[in-house]
Amino acid sequence: MIIGSEFSKKYQELLKEVGTHANNDTSHSIAVKDINANLNLDRTEIKNVLEYLEGLGYIETKTIGGPLLYGHITITASGLSKCEELTKS
């Protein structure tokens, strides 16, 4: 488990990136490699951040596999709300 402001910044940036790719559509499947293109997190970091965000109910894993362990995700309604909150602050 990662605790602290550094992790907080990472999950916020990733959630913002997911929100950008989702275009306010909770059914849109987003490739994890596309999200990570701008973030450049390593395999372990992105796995931990995605699992944390899923645990919070902000994203859902749709496919598993590939170089980043997860293939595709979707954002939830709760995730969209949090993303909007983060972009306003």
PDB file of N, CA and C in Angstrom:
ATOM      1  N   MET A   1       0.834  -1.168   0.000  1.00  0.00           N
ATOM      2  CA  MET A   1       0.000   0.000   0.000  1.00  0.00           C
ATOM      3  C   MET A   1       0.885   1.240   0.000  1.00  0.00           C
ATOM      4  N   ILE A   2       0.524   2.211  -0.818  1.00  0.00           N
ATOM      5  CA  ILE A   2       1.274   3.447  -0.920  1.00  0.00           C
ATOM      6  C   ILE A   2       0.451   4.544  -0.271  1.00  0.00           C
ATOM      7  N   ILE A   3       1.061   5.263   0.642  1.00  0.00           N
ATOM      8  CA  ILE A   3       0.351   6.324   1.351  1.00  0.00           C
ATOM      9  C   ILE A   3       1.172   7.604   1.238  1.00  0.00           C
ATOM     10  N   GLY A   4       0.507   8.719   1.075  1.00  0.00           N
ATOM     11  CA  GLY A   4       1.196   9.997   1.046  1.00  0.00           C
ATOM     12  C   GLY A   4       0.770  10.852  -0.123  1.00  0.00           C
ATOM     13  N   SER A   5       1.243  12.074  -0.115  1.00  0.00           N
ATOM     14  CA  SER A   5       0.834  13.027  -1.142  1.00  0.00           C
ATOM     15  C   SER A   5       1.367  12.652  -2.516  1.00  0.00           C
ATOM     16  N   GLU A   6       2.513  11.974  -2.588  1.00  0.00           N
ATOM     17  CA  GLU A   6       3.039  11.565  -3.886  1.00  0.00           C
ATOM     18  C   GLU A   6       2.070  10.621  -4.578  1.00  0.00           C
ATOM     19  N   PHE A   7       1.538   9.653  -3.837  1.00  0.00           N
ATOM     20  CA  PHE A   7       0.554   8.738  -4.416  1.00  0.00           C
ATOM     21  C   PHE A   7      -0.706   9.496  -4.780  1.00  0.00           C
ATOM     22  N   SER A   8      -1.102  10.405  -3.940  1.00  0.00           N
ATOM     23  CA  SER A   8      -2.297  11.192  -4.192  1.00  0.00           C
ATOM     24  C   SER A   8      -2.177  11.934  -5.518  1.00  0.00           C
ATOM     25  N   LYS A   9      -1.044  12.526  -5.772  1.00  0.00           N
ATOM     26  CA  LYS A   9      -0.822  13.230  -7.036  1.00  0.00           C
ATOM     27  C   LYS A   9      -0.884  12.271  -8.214  1.00  0.00           C
ATOM     28  N   LYS A  10      -0.318  11.083  -8.051  1.00  0.00           N
ATOM     29  CA  LYS A  10      -0.324  10.102  -9.137  1.00  0.00           C
ATOM     30  C   LYS A  10      -1.737   9.652  -9.465  1.00  0.00           C
ATOM     31  N   TYR A  11      -2.531   9.363  -8.443  1.00  0.00           N
ATOM     32  CA  TYR A  11      -3.866   8.881  -8.750  1.00  0.00           C
ATOM     33  C   TYR A  11      -4.724  10.002  -9.318  1.00  0.00           C
ATOM     34  N   GLN A  12      -4.492  11.237  -8.868  1.00  0.00           N
ATOM     35  CA  GLN A  12      -5.235  12.361  -9.430  1.00  0.00           C
ATOM     36  C   GLN A  12      -4.898  12.566 -10.898  1.00  0.00           C
ATOM     37  N   GLU A  13      -3.624  12.513 -11.229  1.00  0.00           N
ATOM     38  CA  GLU A  13      -3.221  12.693 -12.621  1.00  0.00           C
ATOM     39  C   GLU A  13      -3.762  11.576 -13.501  1.00  0.00           C
ATOM     40  N   LEU A  14      -3.706  10.343 -13.004  1.00  0.00           N
ATOM     41  CA  LEU A  14      -4.223   9.231 -13.787  1.00  0.00           C
ATOM     42  C   LEU A  14      -5.727   9.349 -13.970  1.00  0.00           C
ATOM     43  N   LEU A  15      -6.441   9.727 -12.928  1.00  0.00           N
ATOM     44  CA  LEU A  15      -7.889   9.866 -13.034  1.00  0.00           C
ATOM     45  C   LEU A  15      -8.259  10.977 -14.012  1.00  0.00           C
ATOM     46  N   LYS A  16      -7.522  12.079 -13.987  1.00  0.00           N
ATOM     47  CA  LYS A  16      -7.760  13.143 -14.957  1.00  0.00           C
ATOM     48  C   LYS A  16      -7.536  12.643 -16.384  1.00  0.00           C
ATOM     49  N   GLU A  17      -6.501  11.856 -16.571  1.00  0.00           N
ATOM     50  CA  GLU A  17      -6.194  11.294 -17.896  1.00  0.00           C
ATOM     51  C   GLU A  17      -7.306  10.347 -18.341  1.00  0.00           C
ATOM     52  N   VAL A  18      -7.790   9.521 -17.433  1.00  0.00           N
ATOM     53  CA  VAL A  18      -8.906   8.622 -17.746  1.00  0.00           C
ATOM     54  C   VAL A  18     -10.133   9.432 -18.139  1.00  0.00           C
ATOM     55  N   GLY A  19     -10.410  10.475 -17.376  1.00  0.00           N
ATOM     56  CA  GLY A  19     -11.550  11.330 -17.671  1.00  0.00           C
ATOM     57  C   GLY A  19     -11.457  11.972 -19.042  1.00  0.00           C
ATOM     58  N   THR A  20     -10.265  12.398 -19.410  1.00  0.00           N
ATOM     59  CA  THR A  20     -10.051  12.993 -20.729  1.00  0.00           C
ATOM     60  C   THR A  20     -10.343  11.984 -21.832  1.00  0.00           C
ATOM     61  N   HIS A  21      -9.858  10.768 -21.671  1.00  0.00           N
ATOM     62  CA  HIS A  21     -10.069   9.725 -22.681  1.00  0.00           C
ATOM     63  C   HIS A  21     -11.515   9.238 -22.724  1.00  0.00           C
ATOM     64  N   ALA A  22     -12.225   9.341 -21.613  1.00  0.00           N
ATOM     65  CA  ALA A  22     -13.592   8.816 -21.528  1.00  0.00           C
ATOM     66  C   ALA A  22     -14.620   9.707 -22.215  1.00  0.00           C
ATOM     67  N   ASN A  23     -14.340  11.000 -22.340  1.00  0.00           N
ATOM     68  CA  ASN A  23     -15.293  11.940 -22.948  1.00  0.00           C
ATOM     69  C   ASN A  23     -16.673  11.861 -22.299  1.00  0.00           C
ATOM     70  N   ASN A  24     -16.699  11.816 -20.962  1.00  0.00           N
ATOM     71  CA  ASN A  24     -17.950  11.752 -20.176  1.00  0.00           C
ATOM     72  C   ASN A  24     -18.815  10.538 -20.499  1.00  0.00           C
ATOM     73  N   ASP A  25     -18.214   9.454 -20.930  1.00  0.00           N
ATOM     74  CA  ASP A  25     -18.942   8.232 -21.286  1.00  0.00           C
ATOM     75  C   ASP A  25     -18.451   7.086 -20.404  1.00  0.00           C
ATOM     76  N   THR A  26     -19.314   6.608 -19.502  1.00  0.00           N
ATOM     77  CA  THR A  26     -18.927   5.540 -18.580  1.00  0.00           C
ATOM     78  C   THR A  26     -18.852   4.173 -19.257  1.00  0.00           C
ATOM     79  N   SER A  27     -19.312   4.071 -20.484  1.00  0.00           N
ATOM     80  CA  SER A  27     -19.245   2.782 -21.187  1.00  0.00           C
ATOM     81  C   SER A  27     -18.058   2.711 -22.145  1.00  0.00           C
ATOM     82  N   HIS A  28     -17.338   3.810 -22.300  1.00  0.00           N
ATOM     83  CA  HIS A  28     -16.206   3.863 -23.233  1.00  0.00           C
ATOM     84  C   HIS A  28     -15.012   3.097 -22.665  1.00  0.00           C
ATOM     85  N   SER A  29     -14.569   2.078 -23.369  1.00  0.00           N
ATOM     86  CA  SER A  29     -13.424   1.276 -22.957  1.00  0.00           C
ATOM     87  C   SER A  29     -12.135   2.014 -23.341  1.00  0.00           C
ATOM     88  N   ILE A  30     -11.271   2.208 -22.361  1.00  0.00           N
ATOM     89  CA  ILE A  30     -10.057   2.991 -22.549  1.00  0.00           C
ATOM     90  C   ILE A  30      -8.842   2.094 -22.384  1.00  0.00           C
ATOM     91  N   ALA A  31      -7.942   2.134 -23.358  1.00  0.00           N
ATOM     92  CA  ALA A  31      -6.712   1.342 -23.289  1.00  0.00           C
ATOM     93  C   ALA A  31      -5.770   1.940 -22.244  1.00  0.00           C
ATOM     94  N   VAL A  32      -5.292   1.119 -21.342  1.00  0.00           N
ATOM     95  CA  VAL A  32      -4.382   1.571 -20.289  1.00  0.00           C
ATOM     96  C   VAL A  32      -3.096   2.121 -20.896  1.00  0.00           C
ATOM     97  N   LYS A  33      -2.627   1.535 -21.989  1.00  0.00           N
ATOM     98  CA  LYS A  33      -1.391   2.035 -22.614  1.00  0.00           C
ATOM     99  C   LYS A  33      -1.584   3.458 -23.130  1.00  0.00           C
ATOM    100  N   ASP A  34      -2.802   3.800 -23.576  1.00  0.00           N
ATOM    101  CA  ASP A  34      -3.069   5.167 -24.033  1.00  0.00           C
ATOM    102  C   ASP A  34      -3.047   6.151 -22.870  1.00  0.00           C
ATOM    103  N   ILE A  35      -3.591   5.731 -21.745  1.00  0.00           N
ATOM    104  CA  ILE A  35      -3.584   6.573 -20.549  1.00  0.00           C
ATOM    105  C   ILE A  35      -2.148   6.810 -20.087  1.00  0.00           C
ATOM    106  N   ASN A  36      -1.357   5.777 -20.115  1.00  0.00           N
ATOM    107  CA  ASN A  36       0.006   5.857 -19.607  1.00  0.00           C
ATOM    108  C   ASN A  36       0.963   6.554 -20.573  1.00  0.00           C
ATOM    109  N   ALA A  37       0.540   6.810 -21.787  1.00  0.00           N
ATOM    110  CA  ALA A  37       1.416   7.465 -22.762  1.00  0.00           C
ATOM    111  C   ALA A  37       1.914   8.817 -22.250  1.00  0.00           C
ATOM    112  N   ASN A  38       1.066   9.567 -21.576  1.00  0.00           N
ATOM    113  CA  ASN A  38       1.455  10.877 -21.047  1.00  0.00           C
ATOM    114  C   ASN A  38       2.030  10.800 -19.637  1.00  0.00           C
ATOM    115  N   LEU A  39       1.721   9.741 -18.917  1.00  0.00           N
ATOM    116  CA  LEU A  39       2.124   9.644 -17.511  1.00  0.00           C
ATOM    117  C   LEU A  39       3.449   8.930 -17.310  1.00  0.00           C
ATOM    118  N   ASN A  40       3.757   7.972 -18.174  1.00  0.00           N
ATOM    119  CA  ASN A  40       5.000   7.203 -18.113  1.00  0.00           C
ATOM    120  C   ASN A  40       5.242   6.535 -16.757  1.00  0.00           C
ATOM    121  N   LEU A  41       4.194   5.929 -16.205  1.00  0.00           N
ATOM    122  CA  LEU A  41       4.353   5.168 -14.967  1.00  0.00           C
ATOM    123  C   LEU A  41       4.889   3.789 -15.307  1.00  0.00           C
ATOM    124  N   ASP A  42       5.651   3.204 -14.400  1.00  0.00           N
ATOM    125  CA  ASP A  42       6.107   1.844 -14.672  1.00  0.00           C
ATOM    126  C   ASP A  42       4.984   0.861 -14.356  1.00  0.00           C
ATOM    127  N   ARG A  43       5.202  -0.376 -14.714  1.00  0.00           N
ATOM    128  CA  ARG A  43       4.177  -1.428 -14.608  1.00  0.00           C
ATOM    129  C   ARG A  43       3.615  -1.567 -13.192  1.00  0.00           C
ATOM    130  N   THR A  44       4.482  -1.539 -12.198  1.00  0.00           N
ATOM    131  CA  THR A  44       4.046  -1.688 -10.812  1.00  0.00           C
ATOM    132  C   THR A  44       3.259  -0.469 -10.348  1.00  0.00           C
ATOM    133  N   GLU A  45       3.745   0.717 -10.699  1.00  0.00           N
ATOM    134  CA  GLU A  45       3.045   1.942 -10.296  1.00  0.00           C
ATOM    135  C   GLU A  45       1.630   1.994 -10.865  1.00  0.00           C
ATOM    136  N   ILE A  46       1.507   1.729 -12.159  1.00  0.00           N
ATOM    137  CA  ILE A  46       0.187   1.833 -12.777  1.00  0.00           C
ATOM    138  C   ILE A  46      -0.749   0.762 -12.232  1.00  0.00           C
ATOM    139  N   LYS A  47      -0.221  -0.419 -11.960  1.00  0.00           N
ATOM    140  CA  LYS A  47      -1.036  -1.484 -11.371  1.00  0.00           C
ATOM    141  C   LYS A  47      -1.585  -1.036 -10.019  1.00  0.00           C
ATOM    142  N   ASN A  48      -0.705  -0.481  -9.180  1.00  0.00           N
ATOM    143  CA  ASN A  48      -1.125  -0.035  -7.847  1.00  0.00           C
ATOM    144  C   ASN A  48      -2.146   1.094  -7.918  1.00  0.00           C
ATOM    145  N   VAL A  49      -1.916   2.052  -8.793  1.00  0.00           N
ATOM    146  CA  VAL A  49      -2.830   3.185  -8.911  1.00  0.00           C
ATOM    147  C   VAL A  49      -4.192   2.718  -9.431  1.00  0.00           C
ATOM    148  N   LEU A  50      -4.201   1.853 -10.446  1.00  0.00           N
ATOM    149  CA  LEU A  50      -5.467   1.355 -10.990  1.00  0.00           C
ATOM    150  C   LEU A  50      -6.234   0.545  -9.952  1.00  0.00           C
ATOM    151  N   GLU A  51      -5.543  -0.282  -9.206  1.00  0.00           N
ATOM    152  CA  GLU A  51      -6.211  -1.067  -8.169  1.00  0.00           C
ATOM    153  C   GLU A  51      -6.788  -0.156  -7.081  1.00  0.00           C
ATOM    154  N   TYR A  52      -6.064   0.880  -6.731  1.00  0.00           N
ATOM    155  CA  TYR A  52      -6.543   1.827  -5.721  1.00  0.00           C
ATOM    156  C   TYR A  52      -7.787   2.549  -6.229  1.00  0.00           C
ATOM    157  N   LEU A  53      -7.740   3.047  -7.466  1.00  0.00           N
ATOM    158  CA  LEU A  53      -8.889   3.759  -8.038  1.00  0.00           C
ATOM    159  C   LEU A  53     -10.097   2.841  -8.192  1.00  0.00           C
ATOM    160  N   GLU A  54      -9.847   1.584  -8.517  1.00  0.00           N
ATOM    161  CA  GLU A  54     -10.954   0.635  -8.617  1.00  0.00           C
ATOM    162  C   GLU A  54     -11.553   0.378  -7.235  1.00  0.00           C
ATOM    163  N   GLY A  55     -10.712   0.283  -6.235  1.00  0.00           N
ATOM    164  CA  GLY A  55     -11.182   0.097  -4.875  1.00  0.00           C
ATOM    165  C   GLY A  55     -12.039   1.266  -4.382  1.00  0.00           C
ATOM    166  N   LEU A  56     -11.733   2.459  -4.860  1.00  0.00           N
ATOM    167  CA  LEU A  56     -12.521   3.635  -4.520  1.00  0.00           C
ATOM    168  C   LEU A  56     -13.809   3.732  -5.333  1.00  0.00           C
ATOM    169  N   GLY A  57     -13.923   2.889  -6.368  1.00  0.00           N
ATOM    170  CA  GLY A  57     -15.118   2.900  -7.210  1.00  0.00           C
ATOM    171  C   GLY A  57     -15.069   3.908  -8.342  1.00  0.00           C
ATOM    172  N   TYR A  58     -13.871   4.424  -8.662  1.00  0.00           N
ATOM    173  CA  TYR A  58     -13.736   5.428  -9.709  1.00  0.00           C
ATOM    174  C   TYR A  58     -13.556   4.833 -11.110  1.00  0.00           C
ATOM    175  N   ILE A  59     -13.039   3.627 -11.189  1.00  0.00           N
ATOM    176  CA  ILE A  59     -12.860   2.947 -12.472  1.00  0.00           C
ATOM    177  C   ILE A  59     -13.269   1.489 -12.339  1.00  0.00           C
ATOM    178  N   GLU A  60     -13.424   0.825 -13.475  1.00  0.00           N
ATOM    179  CA  GLU A  60     -13.653  -0.616 -13.517  1.00  0.00           C
ATOM    180  C   GLU A  60     -12.684  -1.222 -14.519  1.00  0.00           C
ATOM    181  N   THR A  61     -12.091  -2.341 -14.161  1.00  0.00           N
ATOM    182  CA  THR A  61     -11.213  -3.072 -15.066  1.00  0.00           C
ATOM    183  C   THR A  61     -12.069  -3.864 -16.037  1.00  0.00           C
ATOM    184  N   LYS A  62     -11.789  -3.739 -17.311  1.00  0.00           N
ATOM    185  CA  LYS A  62     -12.550  -4.463 -18.329  1.00  0.00           C
ATOM    186  C   LYS A  62     -11.753  -5.623 -18.925  1.00  0.00           C
ATOM    187  N   THR A  63     -10.463  -5.426 -19.163  1.00  0.00           N
ATOM    188  CA  THR A  63      -9.625  -6.513 -19.673  1.00  0.00           C
ATOM    189  C   THR A  63      -8.302  -6.534 -18.920  1.00  0.00           C
ATOM    190  N   ILE A  64      -7.751  -7.713 -18.799  1.00  0.00           N
ATOM    191  CA  ILE A  64      -6.476  -7.904 -18.126  1.00  0.00           C
ATOM    192  C   ILE A  64      -5.509  -8.487 -19.147  1.00  0.00           C
ATOM    193  N   GLY A  65      -4.276  -8.038 -19.083  1.00  0.00           N
ATOM    194  CA  GLY A  65      -3.251  -8.552 -19.974  1.00  0.00           C
ATOM    195  C   GLY A  65      -2.513  -7.425 -20.666  1.00  0.00           C
ATOM    196  N   GLY A  66      -1.372  -7.744 -21.195  1.00  0.00           N
ATOM    197  CA  GLY A  66      -0.567  -6.751 -21.883  1.00  0.00           C
ATOM    198  C   GLY A  66       0.607  -6.314 -21.036  1.00  0.00           C
ATOM    199  N   PRO A  67       1.398  -5.419 -21.559  1.00  0.00           N
ATOM    200  CA  PRO A  67       2.628  -5.011 -20.864  1.00  0.00           C
ATOM    201  C   PRO A  67       2.391  -4.266 -19.560  1.00  0.00           C
ATOM    202  N   LEU A  68       1.205  -3.699 -19.357  1.00  0.00           N
ATOM    203  CA  LEU A  68       0.928  -2.948 -18.129  1.00  0.00           C
ATOM    204  C   LEU A  68      -0.019  -3.700 -17.190  1.00  0.00           C
ATOM    205  N   LEU A  69      -0.168  -4.984 -17.400  1.00  0.00           N
ATOM    206  CA  LEU A  69      -0.997  -5.895 -16.613  1.00  0.00           C
ATOM    207  C   LEU A  69      -2.493  -5.719 -16.865  1.00  0.00           C
ATOM    208  N   TYR A  70      -2.931  -4.494 -17.076  1.00  0.00           N
ATOM    209  CA  TYR A  70      -4.335  -4.242 -17.387  1.00  0.00           C
ATOM    210  C   TYR A  70      -4.427  -3.754 -18.821  1.00  0.00           C
ATOM    211  N   GLY A  71      -5.439  -4.231 -19.532  1.00  0.00           N
ATOM    212  CA  GLY A  71      -5.596  -3.835 -20.920  1.00  0.00           C
ATOM    213  C   GLY A  71      -6.503  -2.636 -21.097  1.00  0.00           C
ATOM    214  N   HIS A  72      -7.727  -2.755 -20.565  1.00  0.00           N
ATOM    215  CA  HIS A  72      -8.715  -1.687 -20.733  1.00  0.00           C
ATOM    216  C   HIS A  72      -9.480  -1.453 -19.437  1.00  0.00           C
ATOM    217  N   ILE A  73      -9.897  -0.205 -19.256  1.00  0.00           N
ATOM    218  CA  ILE A  73     -10.700   0.179 -18.100  1.00  0.00           C
ATOM    219  C   ILE A  73     -11.837   1.082 -18.577  1.00  0.00           C
ATOM    220  N   THR A  74     -12.813   1.296 -17.712  1.00  0.00           N
ATOM    221  CA  THR A  74     -13.837   2.312 -17.932  1.00  0.00           C
ATOM    222  C   THR A  74     -13.907   3.173 -16.685  1.00  0.00           C
ATOM    223  N   ILE A  75     -14.395   4.374 -16.837  1.00  0.00           N
ATOM    224  CA  ILE A  75     -14.588   5.256 -15.697  1.00  0.00           C
ATOM    225  C   ILE A  75     -16.025   5.100 -15.219  1.00  0.00           C
ATOM    226  N   THR A  76     -16.240   5.205 -13.935  1.00  0.00           N
ATOM    227  CA  THR A  76     -17.586   5.103 -13.372  1.00  0.00           C
ATOM    228  C   THR A  76     -18.180   6.512 -13.232  1.00  0.00           C
ATOM    229  N   ALA A  77     -19.461   6.581 -12.913  1.00  0.00           N
ATOM    230  CA  ALA A  77     -20.107   7.876 -12.678  1.00  0.00           C
ATOM    231  C   ALA A  77     -19.424   8.591 -11.512  1.00  0.00           C
ATOM    232  N   SER A  78     -19.064   7.836 -10.496  1.00  0.00           N
ATOM    233  CA  SER A  78     -18.356   8.396  -9.349  1.00  0.00           C
ATOM    234  C   SER A  78     -16.989   8.936  -9.777  1.00  0.00           C
ATOM    235  N   GLY A  79     -16.332   8.213 -10.668  1.00  0.00           N
ATOM    236  CA  GLY A  79     -15.039   8.645 -11.191  1.00  0.00           C
ATOM    237  C   GLY A  79     -15.155   9.923 -12.000  1.00  0.00           C
ATOM    238  N   LEU A  80     -16.218  10.034 -12.790  1.00  0.00           N
ATOM    239  CA  LEU A  80     -16.445  11.258 -13.560  1.00  0.00           C
ATOM    240  C   LEU A  80     -16.660  12.450 -12.631  1.00  0.00           C
ATOM    241  N   SER A  81     -17.434  12.234 -11.573  1.00  0.00           N
ATOM    242  CA  SER A  81     -17.669  13.307 -10.600  1.00  0.00           C
ATOM    243  C   SER A  81     -16.370  13.749  -9.936  1.00  0.00           C
ATOM    244  N   LYS A  82     -15.553  12.780  -9.544  1.00  0.00           N
ATOM    245  CA  LYS A  82     -14.276  13.093  -8.897  1.00  0.00           C
ATOM    246  C   LYS A  82     -13.354  13.802  -9.875  1.00  0.00           C
ATOM    247  N   CYS A  83     -13.366  13.375 -11.114  1.00  0.00           N
ATOM    248  CA  CYS A  83     -12.525  13.993 -12.137  1.00  0.00           C
ATOM    249  C   CYS A  83     -12.922  15.462 -12.339  1.00  0.00           C
ATOM    250  N   GLU A  84     -14.203  15.727 -12.388  1.00  0.00           N
ATOM    251  CA  GLU A  84     -14.679  17.102 -12.522  1.00  0.00           C
ATOM    252  C   GLU A  84     -14.244  17.941 -11.315  1.00  0.00           C
ATOM    253  N   GLU A  85     -14.335  17.353 -10.145  1.00  0.00           N
ATOM    254  CA  GLU A  85     -13.926  18.028  -8.912  1.00  0.00           C
ATOM    255  C   GLU A  85     -12.436  18.378  -8.960  1.00  0.00           C
ATOM    256  N   LEU A  86     -11.619  17.437  -9.460  1.00  0.00           N
ATOM    257  CA  LEU A  86     -10.177  17.652  -9.527  1.00  0.00           C
ATOM    258  C   LEU A  86      -9.812  18.722 -10.542  1.00  0.00           C
ATOM    259  N   THR A  87     -10.518  18.795 -11.641  1.00  0.00           N
ATOM    260  CA  THR A  87     -10.196  19.773 -12.673  1.00  0.00           C
ATOM    261  C   THR A  87     -10.621  21.175 -12.279  1.00  0.00           C
ATOM    262  N   LYS A  88     -11.592  21.287 -11.366  1.00  0.00           N
ATOM    263  CA  LYS A  88     -12.044  22.605 -10.896  1.00  0.00           C
ATOM    264  C   LYS A  88     -11.094  23.191  -9.861  1.00  0.00           C
ATOM    265  N   SER A  89     -10.381  22.329  -9.169  1.00  0.00           N
ATOM    266  CA  SER A  89      -9.502  22.838  -8.101  1.00  0.00           C
ATOM    267  C   SER A  89      -8.136  23.199  -8.589  1.00  0.00           C
TER     268      SER A  89
END
